[in-house]
Amino acid sequence: MTARTIAVVTAGLSQPSSTRLLADRLAEATRAALVDDDVTVKVFELRDIAVDVTNNMLTGFPSPQLREVIDTVTRADGLIAVTPVFTASYSGLFKSFFDVLDKEALDGKPVLLAATGGTERHSLALDFALRPLFAYLRATVVPTGVYAASSDWGSVEATGALQQRVERAGRELAQMVSAAPEAKPDDEYASVSFEQLLAGH
C-alpha cells in the first residue's frame, strides 16, 4: 500500500461555504477512488492565511504558517484547487496564493480544478481562467473540471448530477496520482529558499 497525500486548497470566503463543501466532496471522491493506497487529505482554507499571503507578496518572505501550507501543497501527490468565481474569473485570494509559489513548484503535478458561482453562466471560468493559469504553472490538469452553481445544491436531481461529475473528476485525479511516482519529502521545489529570496527570486 502506497502512502499518498492529497492537498486541497479552497478559497471560499464565508464559513461554511459552498466552495468548501465542493472541495470536501472532491477530496472524498478522490480518496474513495484510491482504494489501494493509504491516503492522507490535507485541506487548507485560504481565508485563514489571507494576511500571510498578502504579507508574502509585499515582503517576499512567507510566515511559518504559510510556508507549511506551501510545502504541503507542493510536496503532495495531487492537488484539488477550488475557487469561487468573481467577475468571470478566480478570486484574488486564490490567484495570490499561487503567485507566491515557485514557478516550477507544480510542474507535472496532478491537479483537479473546480469552482463555484451563483449561476451556470460562470462555468466558463474553468476553461478560460483556471486552466490557462495551471497550464502556465505546467501542472497536469485532469480532463473533468467541476463547476457548481447555486442551483446544483437546490434539488435531489441537480445534486445527483453534480455528484456524478464530482466522482468522475475524483477518479481521473486518482488515476493520475496512481500513475505518478510517489512524491519525495525533499522535493526541490517545495518552497522558495532563503537564498532564492535574497537573490530576488
Protein backbone atom coordinates (compact mmCIF):
# COMPACT_ATOMS: atom_id res chain seq x y z
CA MET A 1 0.00 0.00 0.00
CA THR A 2 1.45 3.34 -1.11
CA ALA A 3 1.18 6.43 1.08
CA ARG A 4 -0.38 9.31 -0.86
CA THR A 5 -1.13 12.88 0.15
CA ILE A 6 -3.87 14.91 -1.49
CA ALA A 7 -3.72 18.65 -0.77
CA VAL A 8 -6.93 20.66 -1.04
CA VAL A 9 -6.85 24.44 -1.47
CA THR A 10 -10.19 26.18 -1.11
CA ALA A 11 -10.67 29.93 -1.49
CA GLY A 12 -14.18 30.29 -0.09
CA LEU A 13 -14.64 33.47 1.92
CA SER A 14 -17.60 32.55 4.12
CA GLN A 15 -17.84 29.84 6.73
CA PRO A 16 -19.35 27.47 5.87
CA SER A 17 -19.12 27.98 2.11
CA SER A 18 -20.27 26.09 -0.96
CA THR A 19 -16.66 26.24 -2.13
CA ARG A 20 -15.52 24.25 0.91
CA LEU A 21 -18.44 21.86 0.52
CA LEU A 22 -17.46 21.14 -3.08
CA ALA A 23 -13.80 20.75 -2.07
CA ASP A 24 -14.73 18.19 0.58
CA ARG A 25 -16.82 16.18 -1.88
CA LEU A 26 -14.00 16.13 -4.41
CA ALA A 27 -11.50 15.05 -1.76
CA GLU A 28 -13.76 12.22 -0.63
CA ALA A 29 -14.34 11.06 -4.21
CA THR A 30 -10.59 11.02 -4.84
CA ARG A 31 -9.91 9.14 -1.60
CA ALA A 32 -12.57 6.58 -2.48
CA ALA A 33 -11.01 6.00 -5.90
CA LEU A 34 -7.53 5.44 -4.40
CA VAL A 35 -8.67 2.19 -2.83
CA ASP A 36 -5.24 0.55 -2.88
CA ASP A 37 -3.38 3.48 -1.29
CA ASP A 38 -3.03 4.91 2.19
CA VAL A 39 -4.43 8.40 1.54
CA THR A 40 -4.00 11.50 3.69
CA VAL A 41 -6.11 14.52 2.76
CA LYS A 42 -4.98 17.95 3.96
CA VAL A 43 -7.40 20.84 3.47
CA PHE A 44 -6.31 24.48 3.55
CA GLU A 45 -8.78 27.37 3.75
CA LEU A 46 -7.02 30.34 2.16
CA ARG A 47 -9.17 32.74 4.19
CA ASP A 48 -7.23 31.58 7.26
CA ILE A 49 -3.89 32.65 5.77
CA ALA A 50 -5.03 35.66 3.70
CA VAL A 51 -2.93 38.11 5.69
CA ASP A 52 0.11 35.84 5.43
CA VAL A 53 -0.29 35.61 1.65
CA THR A 54 -0.55 39.40 1.36
CA ASN A 55 2.49 39.95 3.54
CA ASN A 56 4.45 37.43 1.48
CA MET A 57 3.61 39.32 -1.70
CA LEU A 58 4.77 42.58 -0.11
CA THR A 59 7.93 41.33 1.60
CA GLY A 60 8.90 38.17 -0.27
CA PHE A 61 9.05 36.21 2.99
CA PRO A 62 6.43 33.60 3.94
CA SER A 63 5.31 33.27 7.54
CA PRO A 64 5.89 29.87 9.20
CA GLN A 65 2.20 29.02 8.73
CA LEU A 66 2.24 29.95 5.05
CA ARG A 67 5.48 28.08 4.46
CA GLU A 68 3.90 24.96 5.93
CA VAL A 69 0.96 25.28 3.54
CA ILE A 70 3.24 25.89 0.56
CA ASP A 71 5.43 22.92 1.42
CA THR A 72 2.44 20.61 1.85
CA VAL A 73 0.83 21.69 -1.41
CA THR A 74 3.98 21.40 -3.48
CA ARG A 75 5.01 18.05 -1.98
CA ALA A 76 1.57 16.46 -2.27
CA ASP A 77 0.90 13.69 -4.76
CA GLY A 78 -2.15 15.50 -6.05
CA LEU A 79 -3.87 18.86 -5.65
CA ILE A 80 -7.53 19.86 -5.61
CA ALA A 81 -7.95 23.61 -6.16
CA VAL A 82 -11.37 25.19 -5.69
CA THR A 83 -12.30 28.87 -6.03
CA PRO A 84 -15.45 30.95 -6.05
CA VAL A 85 -15.96 32.84 -9.30
CA PHE A 86 -15.89 36.63 -9.09
CA THR A 87 -16.30 38.79 -12.22
CA ALA A 88 -15.93 35.77 -14.53
CA SER A 89 -12.64 34.60 -13.02
CA TYR A 90 -10.98 33.08 -9.95
CA SER A 91 -10.85 35.10 -6.75
CA GLY A 92 -7.96 37.44 -5.99
CA LEU A 93 -7.06 35.42 -2.89
CA PHE A 94 -6.88 32.22 -4.94
CA LYS A 95 -4.60 33.85 -7.53
CA SER A 96 -2.42 35.49 -4.87
CA PHE A 97 -1.71 32.15 -3.21
CA PHE A 98 -0.50 30.58 -6.43
CA ASP A 99 1.52 33.72 -7.18
CA VAL A 100 3.69 33.12 -4.11
CA LEU A 101 4.64 29.58 -5.18
CA ASP A 102 7.87 28.95 -7.02
CA LYS A 103 7.06 28.98 -10.74
CA GLU A 104 8.13 25.33 -11.09
CA ALA A 105 6.54 24.07 -7.85
CA LEU A 106 3.56 22.45 -9.61
CA ASP A 107 5.45 21.18 -12.66
CA GLY A 108 3.79 17.90 -13.67
CA LYS A 109 1.63 17.70 -10.56
CA PRO A 110 -1.84 16.13 -11.00
CA VAL A 111 -4.43 18.84 -10.33
CA LEU A 112 -8.22 18.81 -10.20
CA LEU A 113 -9.84 22.20 -10.79
CA ALA A 114 -13.24 23.24 -9.51
CA ALA A 115 -15.23 26.41 -8.99
CA THR A 116 -18.48 27.65 -7.51
CA GLY A 117 -20.71 30.53 -8.51
CA GLY A 118 -24.20 31.94 -8.43
CA THR A 119 -25.28 30.92 -11.94
CA GLU A 120 -24.34 28.38 -14.59
CA ARG A 121 -23.02 31.07 -16.94
CA HIS A 122 -19.90 31.44 -14.81
CA SER A 123 -18.87 27.84 -15.54
CA LEU A 124 -16.70 29.05 -18.45
CA ALA A 125 -14.24 30.37 -15.86
CA LEU A 126 -12.93 26.82 -15.54
CA ASP A 127 -11.76 26.74 -19.15
CA PHE A 128 -10.94 30.40 -19.73
CA ALA A 129 -9.35 31.36 -16.40
CA LEU A 130 -8.31 28.38 -14.28
CA ARG A 131 -6.95 26.08 -16.99
CA PRO A 132 -4.69 28.75 -18.53
CA LEU A 133 -3.30 29.59 -15.08
CA PHE A 134 -2.39 25.99 -14.30
CA ALA A 135 -1.13 25.41 -17.83
CA TYR A 136 1.31 28.27 -17.20
CA LEU A 137 2.36 26.54 -13.97
CA ARG A 138 2.84 23.35 -16.02
CA ALA A 139 0.56 21.30 -13.81
CA THR A 140 -1.15 18.21 -15.24
CA VAL A 141 -4.86 19.04 -15.04
CA VAL A 142 -7.48 16.29 -15.12
CA PRO A 143 -9.91 16.41 -18.06
CA THR A 144 -13.02 16.97 -15.94
CA GLY A 145 -13.36 20.32 -14.21
CA VAL A 146 -16.26 20.65 -11.78
CA TYR A 147 -18.42 23.75 -11.55
CA ALA A 148 -21.22 24.04 -9.00
CA ALA A 149 -23.83 26.78 -9.31
CA SER A 150 -26.29 27.63 -6.56
CA SER A 151 -28.93 25.57 -8.38
CA ASP A 152 -26.75 22.45 -8.14
CA TRP A 153 -27.44 22.32 -4.41
CA GLY A 154 -31.17 23.03 -4.74
CA SER A 155 -32.73 19.69 -5.64
CA VAL A 156 -32.09 15.97 -5.41
CA GLU A 157 -31.81 15.70 -9.20
CA ALA A 158 -29.36 18.58 -9.52
CA THR A 159 -27.27 17.42 -6.58
CA GLY A 160 -27.15 13.92 -8.08
CA ALA A 161 -25.87 15.27 -11.39
CA LEU A 162 -23.22 17.30 -9.54
CA GLN A 163 -22.15 14.22 -7.59
CA GLN A 164 -21.68 12.30 -10.84
CA ARG A 165 -19.29 15.00 -12.07
CA VAL A 166 -17.52 15.02 -8.72
CA GLU A 167 -17.00 11.25 -8.79
CA ARG A 168 -15.77 11.29 -12.38
CA ALA A 169 -13.24 14.03 -11.62
CA GLY A 170 -12.14 12.22 -8.46
CA ARG A 171 -11.50 9.03 -10.42
CA GLU A 172 -9.47 10.95 -13.01
CA LEU A 173 -7.30 12.56 -10.33
CA ALA A 174 -6.85 9.20 -8.60
CA GLN A 175 -5.72 7.62 -11.87
CA MET A 176 -3.14 10.35 -12.44
CA VAL A 177 -1.88 10.13 -8.87
CA SER A 178 -1.57 6.35 -9.07
CA ALA A 179 0.36 6.57 -12.34
CA ALA A 180 2.82 9.15 -10.97
CA PRO A 181 5.82 8.30 -8.78
CA GLU A 182 5.35 8.86 -5.06
CA ALA A 183 6.18 12.43 -4.06
CA LYS A 184 9.51 12.88 -2.28
CA PRO A 185 9.68 14.76 1.05
CA ASP A 186 12.69 16.75 -0.10
CA ASP A 187 11.07 17.98 -3.30
CA GLU A 188 13.40 20.51 -4.91
CA TYR A 189 10.57 22.97 -5.41
CA ALA A 190 8.78 22.57 -2.08
CA SER A 191 9.17 26.26 -1.33
CA VAL A 192 11.32 29.20 -2.24
CA SER A 193 14.58 29.00 -0.33
CA PHE A 194 16.05 31.76 1.80
CA GLU A 195 18.94 32.09 -0.66
CA GLN A 196 16.50 32.47 -3.56
CA LEU A 197 14.62 35.18 -1.71
CA LEU A 198 17.81 37.10 -1.05
CA ALA A 199 18.70 36.80 -4.72
CA GLY A 200 15.37 38.41 -5.62
CA HIS A 201 13.75 35.18 -6.79
